Amino acid sequence: MNKTNPKADFYFNKADAWQKELKNLRTIILDCQLTEELKWGVPCYTFQENNVALVHVLKNTVRFCLSKVPC
């Protein structure tokens, strides 16, 4: 697994629900060699300094939002 970011650890640790799903999603994302950051208060994953995806929890869902990545 790629290196986790302690700033993002805070977000994942404070989540009351979806702990198993968040852990699994985080592992998959980091295995893709993306860099983990915390932007806008949620985990943001980047590649070559471009935003690729965000992960955040809403009441009944875990959201994995992809950004447009320049080719």
PDB file of N, CA and C in Angstrom:
ATOM      1  N   MET A   1       0.843  -1.185   0.000  1.00  0.00           N
ATOM      2  CA  MET A   1       0.000   0.000   0.000  1.00  0.00           C
ATOM      3  C   MET A   1       0.883   1.242   0.000  1.00  0.00           C
ATOM      4  N   ASN A   2       0.478   2.220  -0.756  1.00  0.00           N
ATOM      5  CA  ASN A   2       1.175   3.494  -0.805  1.00  0.00           C
ATOM      6  C   ASN A   2       1.012   4.211   0.533  1.00  0.00           C
ATOM      7  N   LYS A   3       1.772   5.252   0.751  1.00  0.00           N
ATOM      8  CA  LYS A   3       1.784   5.945   2.033  1.00  0.00           C
ATOM      9  C   LYS A   3       0.492   6.736   2.287  1.00  0.00           C
ATOM     10  N   THR A   4      -0.049   6.547   3.484  1.00  0.00           N
ATOM     11  CA  THR A   4      -1.222   7.318   3.886  1.00  0.00           C
ATOM     12  C   THR A   4      -0.769   8.679   4.401  1.00  0.00           C
ATOM     13  N   ASN A   5      -1.677   9.634   4.372  1.00  0.00           N
ATOM     14  CA  ASN A   5      -1.394  10.980   4.827  1.00  0.00           C
ATOM     15  C   ASN A   5      -2.035  11.166   6.202  1.00  0.00           C
ATOM     16  N   PRO A   6      -1.267  11.563   7.220  1.00  0.00           N
ATOM     17  CA  PRO A   6      -1.830  11.740   8.563  1.00  0.00           C
ATOM     18  C   PRO A   6      -2.986  12.735   8.610  1.00  0.00           C
ATOM     19  N   LYS A   7      -2.979  13.728   7.735  1.00  0.00           N
ATOM     20  CA  LYS A   7      -4.097  14.673   7.690  1.00  0.00           C
ATOM     21  C   LYS A   7      -5.385  13.965   7.262  1.00  0.00           C
ATOM     22  N   ALA A   8      -5.276  13.038   6.334  1.00  0.00           N
ATOM     23  CA  ALA A   8      -6.445  12.273   5.895  1.00  0.00           C
ATOM     24  C   ALA A   8      -6.841  11.241   6.951  1.00  0.00           C
ATOM     25  N   ASP A   9      -5.869  10.750   7.729  1.00  0.00           N
ATOM     26  CA  ASP A   9      -6.186   9.809   8.811  1.00  0.00           C
ATOM     27  C   ASP A   9      -7.267  10.389   9.720  1.00  0.00           C
ATOM     28  N   PHE A  10      -7.153  11.665  10.016  1.00  0.00           N
ATOM     29  CA  PHE A  10      -8.135  12.322  10.878  1.00  0.00           C
ATOM     30  C   PHE A  10      -9.541  12.162  10.315  1.00  0.00           C
ATOM     31  N   TYR A  11      -9.698  12.387   9.027  1.00  0.00           N
ATOM     32  CA  TYR A  11     -11.019  12.270   8.397  1.00  0.00           C
ATOM     33  C   TYR A  11     -11.550  10.837   8.527  1.00  0.00           C
ATOM     34  N   PHE A  12     -10.721   9.861   8.188  1.00  0.00           N
ATOM     35  CA  PHE A  12     -11.160   8.463   8.234  1.00  0.00           C
ATOM     36  C   PHE A  12     -11.453   8.009   9.658  1.00  0.00           C
ATOM     37  N   ASN A  13     -10.669   8.451  10.618  1.00  0.00           N
ATOM     38  CA  ASN A  13     -10.860   8.031  12.001  1.00  0.00           C
ATOM     39  C   ASN A  13     -12.097   8.639  12.641  1.00  0.00           C
ATOM     40  N   LYS A  14     -12.506   9.811  12.189  1.00  0.00           N
ATOM     41  CA  LYS A  14     -13.671  10.465  12.794  1.00  0.00           C
ATOM     42  C   LYS A  14     -14.993   9.960  12.218  1.00  0.00           C
ATOM     43  N   ALA A  15     -14.954   9.244  11.107  1.00  0.00           N
ATOM     44  CA  ALA A  15     -16.186   8.747  10.490  1.00  0.00           C
ATOM     45  C   ALA A  15     -16.836   7.713  11.408  1.00  0.00           C
ATOM     46  N   ASP A  16     -18.091   7.963  11.754  1.00  0.00           N
ATOM     47  CA  ASP A  16     -18.815   7.038  12.630  1.00  0.00           C
ATOM     48  C   ASP A  16     -19.302   5.805  11.884  1.00  0.00           C
ATOM     49  N   ALA A  17     -19.686   6.004  10.661  1.00  0.00           N
ATOM     50  CA  ALA A  17     -20.225   4.896   9.863  1.00  0.00           C
ATOM     51  C   ALA A  17     -19.271   4.586   8.712  1.00  0.00           C
ATOM     52  N   TRP A  18     -19.480   3.474   8.103  1.00  0.00           N
ATOM     53  CA  TRP A  18     -18.772   3.084   6.883  1.00  0.00           C
ATOM     54  C   TRP A  18     -17.286   2.815   7.095  1.00  0.00           C
ATOM     55  N   GLN A  19     -16.859   2.469   8.297  1.00  0.00           N
ATOM     56  CA  GLN A  19     -15.437   2.264   8.561  1.00  0.00           C
ATOM     57  C   GLN A  19     -14.814   1.186   7.660  1.00  0.00           C
ATOM     58  N   LYS A  20     -15.479   0.051   7.537  1.00  0.00           N
ATOM     59  CA  LYS A  20     -14.944  -1.044   6.718  1.00  0.00           C
ATOM     60  C   LYS A  20     -14.853  -0.629   5.254  1.00  0.00           C
ATOM     61  N   GLU A  21     -15.894   0.009   4.764  1.00  0.00           N
ATOM     62  CA  GLU A  21     -15.934   0.418   3.362  1.00  0.00           C
ATOM     63  C   GLU A  21     -14.882   1.488   3.067  1.00  0.00           C
ATOM     64  N   LEU A  22     -14.727   2.438   3.979  1.00  0.00           N
ATOM     65  CA  LEU A  22     -13.722   3.484   3.798  1.00  0.00           C
ATOM     66  C   LEU A  22     -12.311   2.904   3.795  1.00  0.00           C
ATOM     67  N   LYS A  23     -12.052   1.968   4.697  1.00  0.00           N
ATOM     68  CA  LYS A  23     -10.731   1.341   4.759  1.00  0.00           C
ATOM     69  C   LYS A  23     -10.426   0.600   3.461  1.00  0.00           C
ATOM     70  N   ASN A  24     -11.389  -0.156   2.965  1.00  0.00           N
ATOM     71  CA  ASN A  24     -11.187  -0.899   1.723  1.00  0.00           C
ATOM     72  C   ASN A  24     -11.004   0.033   0.529  1.00  0.00           C
ATOM     73  N   LEU A  25     -11.820   1.069   0.444  1.00  0.00           N
ATOM     74  CA  LEU A  25     -11.714   2.029  -0.652  1.00  0.00           C
ATOM     75  C   LEU A  25     -10.364   2.743  -0.621  1.00  0.00           C
ATOM     76  N   ARG A  26      -9.939   3.131   0.552  1.00  0.00           N
ATOM     77  CA  ARG A  26      -8.646   3.804   0.705  1.00  0.00           C
ATOM     78  C   ARG A  26      -7.505   2.905   0.252  1.00  0.00           C
ATOM     79  N   THR A  27      -7.552   1.644   0.613  1.00  0.00           N
ATOM     80  CA  THR A  27      -6.517   0.683   0.208  1.00  0.00           C
ATOM     81  C   THR A  27      -6.464   0.559  -1.305  1.00  0.00           C
ATOM     82  N   ILE A  28      -7.611   0.435  -1.928  1.00  0.00           N
ATOM     83  CA  ILE A  28      -7.670   0.314  -3.395  1.00  0.00           C
ATOM     84  C   ILE A  28      -7.100   1.557  -4.061  1.00  0.00           C
ATOM     85  N   ILE A  29      -7.506   2.717  -3.582  1.00  0.00           N
ATOM     86  CA  ILE A  29      -7.044   3.973  -4.182  1.00  0.00           C
ATOM     87  C   ILE A  29      -5.530   4.124  -4.034  1.00  0.00           C
ATOM     88  N   LEU A  30      -5.012   3.859  -2.851  1.00  0.00           N
ATOM     89  CA  LEU A  30      -3.574   4.012  -2.636  1.00  0.00           C
ATOM     90  C   LEU A  30      -2.765   2.977  -3.408  1.00  0.00           C
ATOM     91  N   ASP A  31      -3.342   1.799  -3.650  1.00  0.00           N
ATOM     92  CA  ASP A  31      -2.664   0.788  -4.469  1.00  0.00           C
ATOM     93  C   ASP A  31      -2.531   1.237  -5.921  1.00  0.00           C
ATOM     94  N   CYS A  32      -3.286   2.248  -6.318  1.00  0.00           N
ATOM     95  CA  CYS A  32      -3.210   2.807  -7.674  1.00  0.00           C
ATOM     96  C   CYS A  32      -2.117   3.860  -7.793  1.00  0.00           C
ATOM     97  N   GLN A  33      -1.297   3.989  -6.749  1.00  0.00           N
ATOM     98  CA  GLN A  33      -0.165   4.918  -6.732  1.00  0.00           C
ATOM     99  C   GLN A  33      -0.586   6.385  -6.770  1.00  0.00           C
ATOM    100  N   LEU A  34      -1.769   6.694  -6.236  1.00  0.00           N
ATOM    101  CA  LEU A  34      -2.208   8.074  -6.121  1.00  0.00           C
ATOM    102  C   LEU A  34      -1.677   8.661  -4.821  1.00  0.00           C
ATOM    103  N   THR A  35      -1.516   9.961  -4.780  1.00  0.00           N
ATOM    104  CA  THR A  35      -1.056  10.658  -3.585  1.00  0.00           C
ATOM    105  C   THR A  35      -2.264  11.113  -2.783  1.00  0.00           C
ATOM    106  N   GLU A  36      -2.252  10.818  -1.504  1.00  0.00           N
ATOM    107  CA  GLU A  36      -3.369  11.164  -0.628  1.00  0.00           C
ATOM    108  C   GLU A  36      -3.114  12.519   0.024  1.00  0.00           C
ATOM    109  N   GLU A  37      -4.096  13.404  -0.094  1.00  0.00           N
ATOM    110  CA  GLU A  37      -4.034  14.725   0.520  1.00  0.00           C
ATOM    111  C   GLU A  37      -5.372  14.999   1.193  1.00  0.00           C
ATOM    112  N   LEU A  38      -5.438  16.091   1.924  1.00  0.00           N
ATOM    113  CA  LEU A  38      -6.705  16.537   2.498  1.00  0.00           C
ATOM    114  C   LEU A  38      -6.992  17.912   1.915  1.00  0.00           C
ATOM    115  N   LYS A  39      -8.050  18.000   1.112  1.00  0.00           N
ATOM    116  CA  LYS A  39      -8.454  19.267   0.501  1.00  0.00           C
ATOM    117  C   LYS A  39      -9.943  19.451   0.747  1.00  0.00           C
ATOM    118  N   TRP A  40     -10.342  20.665   1.026  1.00  0.00           N
ATOM    119  CA  TRP A  40     -11.745  20.987   1.268  1.00  0.00           C
ATOM    120  C   TRP A  40     -12.327  20.158   2.409  1.00  0.00           C
ATOM    121  N   GLY A  41     -11.454  19.697   3.319  1.00  0.00           N
ATOM    122  CA  GLY A  41     -11.885  18.942   4.473  1.00  0.00           C
ATOM    123  C   GLY A  41     -12.152  17.469   4.224  1.00  0.00           C
ATOM    124  N   VAL A  42     -11.826  16.971   3.025  1.00  0.00           N
ATOM    125  CA  VAL A  42     -12.047  15.560   2.686  1.00  0.00           C
ATOM    126  C   VAL A  42     -10.794  15.002   2.008  1.00  0.00           C
ATOM    127  N   PRO A  43     -10.620  13.675   2.034  1.00  0.00           N
ATOM    128  CA  PRO A  43      -9.490  13.078   1.343  1.00  0.00           C
ATOM    129  C   PRO A  43      -9.578  13.329  -0.165  1.00  0.00           C
ATOM    130  N   CYS A  44      -8.481  13.800  -0.714  1.00  0.00           N
ATOM    131  CA  CYS A  44      -8.370  14.067  -2.143  1.00  0.00           C
ATOM    132  C   CYS A  44      -7.174  13.273  -2.654  1.00  0.00           C
ATOM    133  N   TYR A  45      -7.325  12.635  -3.798  1.00  0.00           N
ATOM    134  CA  TYR A  45      -6.259  11.817  -4.363  1.00  0.00           C
ATOM    135  C   TYR A  45      -5.781  12.461  -5.651  1.00  0.00           C
ATOM    136  N   THR A  46      -4.460  12.585  -5.763  1.00  0.00           N
ATOM    137  CA  THR A  46      -3.878  13.278  -6.902  1.00  0.00           C
ATOM    138  C   THR A  46      -2.880  12.386  -7.627  1.00  0.00           C
ATOM    139  N   PHE A  47      -2.648  12.735  -8.884  1.00  0.00           N
ATOM    140  CA  PHE A  47      -1.617  12.093  -9.692  1.00  0.00           C
ATOM    141  C   PHE A  47      -0.915  13.203 -10.457  1.00  0.00           C
ATOM    142  N   GLN A  48       0.385  13.294 -10.295  1.00  0.00           N
ATOM    143  CA  GLN A  48       1.193  14.344 -10.916  1.00  0.00           C
ATOM    144  C   GLN A  48       0.584  15.728 -10.640  1.00  0.00           C
ATOM    145  N   GLU A  49       0.218  15.944  -9.391  1.00  0.00           N
ATOM    146  CA  GLU A  49      -0.321  17.202  -8.885  1.00  0.00           C
ATOM    147  C   GLU A  49      -1.681  17.595  -9.475  1.00  0.00           C
ATOM    148  N   ASN A  50      -2.366  16.655 -10.110  1.00  0.00           N
ATOM    149  CA  ASN A  50      -3.719  16.884 -10.613  1.00  0.00           C
ATOM    150  C   ASN A  50      -4.704  16.106  -9.751  1.00  0.00           C
ATOM    151  N   ASN A  51      -5.801  16.752  -9.374  1.00  0.00           N
ATOM    152  CA  ASN A  51      -6.826  16.073  -8.597  1.00  0.00           C
ATOM    153  C   ASN A  51      -7.459  14.970  -9.439  1.00  0.00           C
ATOM    154  N   VAL A  52      -7.590  13.793  -8.842  1.00  0.00           N
ATOM    155  CA  VAL A  52      -8.182  12.654  -9.532  1.00  0.00           C
ATOM    156  C   VAL A  52      -9.512  12.276  -8.895  1.00  0.00           C
ATOM    157  N   ALA A  53      -9.574  12.250  -7.560  1.00  0.00           N
ATOM    158  CA  ALA A  53     -10.797  11.783  -6.902  1.00  0.00           C
ATOM    159  C   ALA A  53     -10.896  12.336  -5.486  1.00  0.00           C
ATOM    160  N   LEU A  54     -12.130  12.390  -5.011  1.00  0.00           N
ATOM    161  CA  LEU A  54     -12.434  12.757  -3.624  1.00  0.00           C
ATOM    162  C   LEU A  54     -13.220  11.614  -2.997  1.00  0.00           C
ATOM    163  N   VAL A  55     -13.059  11.441  -1.700  1.00  0.00           N
ATOM    164  CA  VAL A  55     -13.852  10.480  -0.940  1.00  0.00           C
ATOM    165  C   VAL A  55     -14.511  11.237   0.197  1.00  0.00           C
ATOM    166  N   HIS A  56     -15.818  11.075   0.335  1.00  0.00           N
ATOM    167  CA  HIS A  56     -16.476  11.685   1.478  1.00  0.00           C
ATOM    168  C   HIS A  56     -17.732  10.921   1.847  1.00  0.00           C
ATOM    169  N   VAL A  57     -18.126  11.074   3.100  1.00  0.00           N
ATOM    170  CA  VAL A  57     -19.278  10.366   3.647  1.00  0.00           C
ATOM    171  C   VAL A  57     -20.435  11.343   3.788  1.00  0.00           C
ATOM    172  N   LEU A  58     -21.583  10.928   3.289  1.00  0.00           N
ATOM    173  CA  LEU A  58     -22.827  11.636   3.544  1.00  0.00           C
ATOM    174  C   LEU A  58     -23.644  10.747   4.466  1.00  0.00           C
ATOM    175  N   LYS A  59     -24.819  11.150   4.831  1.00  0.00           N
ATOM    176  CA  LYS A  59     -25.588  10.399   5.825  1.00  0.00           C
ATOM    177  C   LYS A  59     -25.675   8.904   5.524  1.00  0.00           C
ATOM    178  N   ASN A  60     -26.095   8.549   4.343  1.00  0.00           N
ATOM    179  CA  ASN A  60     -26.340   7.143   4.037  1.00  0.00           C
ATOM    180  C   ASN A  60     -25.440   6.582   2.954  1.00  0.00           C
ATOM    181  N   THR A  61     -24.404   7.311   2.578  1.00  0.00           N
ATOM    182  CA  THR A  61     -23.558   6.861   1.474  1.00  0.00           C
ATOM    183  C   THR A  61     -22.100   7.248   1.672  1.00  0.00           C
ATOM    184  N   VAL A  62     -21.245   6.516   0.990  1.00  0.00           N
ATOM    185  CA  VAL A  62     -19.853   6.891   0.831  1.00  0.00           C
ATOM    186  C   VAL A  62     -19.728   7.341  -0.614  1.00  0.00           C
ATOM    187  N   ARG A  63     -19.176   8.524  -0.835  1.00  0.00           N
ATOM    188  CA  ARG A  63     -19.040   9.063  -2.185  1.00  0.00           C
ATOM    189  C   ARG A  63     -17.589   8.964  -2.642  1.00  0.00           C
ATOM    190  N   PHE A  64     -17.417   8.502  -3.857  1.00  0.00           N
ATOM    191  CA  PHE A  64     -16.121   8.463  -4.525  1.00  0.00           C
ATOM    192  C   PHE A  64     -16.314   9.243  -5.817  1.00  0.00           C
ATOM    193  N   CYS A  65     -15.847  10.473  -5.824  1.00  0.00           N
ATOM    194  CA  CYS A  65     -16.095  11.390  -6.937  1.00  0.00           C
ATOM    195  C   CYS A  65     -14.830  11.546  -7.760  1.00  0.00           C
ATOM    196  N   LEU A  66     -14.931  11.218  -9.041  1.00  0.00           N
ATOM    197  CA  LEU A  66     -13.789  11.353  -9.942  1.00  0.00           C
ATOM    198  C   LEU A  66     -13.752  12.730 -10.571  1.00  0.00           C
ATOM    199  N   SER A  67     -12.547  13.245 -10.748  1.00  0.00           N
ATOM    200  CA  SER A  67     -12.340  14.513 -11.439  1.00  0.00           C
ATOM    201  C   SER A  67     -11.924  14.239 -12.872  1.00  0.00           C
ATOM    202  N   LYS A  68     -12.042  15.236 -13.705  1.00  0.00           N
ATOM    203  CA  LYS A  68     -11.523  15.118 -15.067  1.00  0.00           C
ATOM    204  C   LYS A  68     -10.014  15.233 -14.998  1.00  0.00           C
ATOM    205  N   VAL A  69      -9.336  14.300 -15.628  1.00  0.00           N
ATOM    206  CA  VAL A  69      -7.877  14.285 -15.603  1.00  0.00           C
ATOM    207  C   VAL A  69      -7.388  14.608 -17.007  1.00  0.00           C
ATOM    208  N   PRO A  70      -6.517  15.606 -17.154  1.00  0.00           N
ATOM    209  CA  PRO A  70      -6.000  15.925 -18.491  1.00  0.00           C
ATOM    210  C   PRO A  70      -5.151  14.783 -19.028  1.00  0.00           C
ATOM    211  N   CYS A  71      -5.274  14.541 -20.304  1.00  0.00           N
ATOM    212  CA  CYS A  71      -4.487  13.468 -20.940  1.00  0.00           C
ATOM    213  C   CYS A  71      -3.151  14.000 -21.417  1.00  0.00           C
TER     214      CYS A  71
END
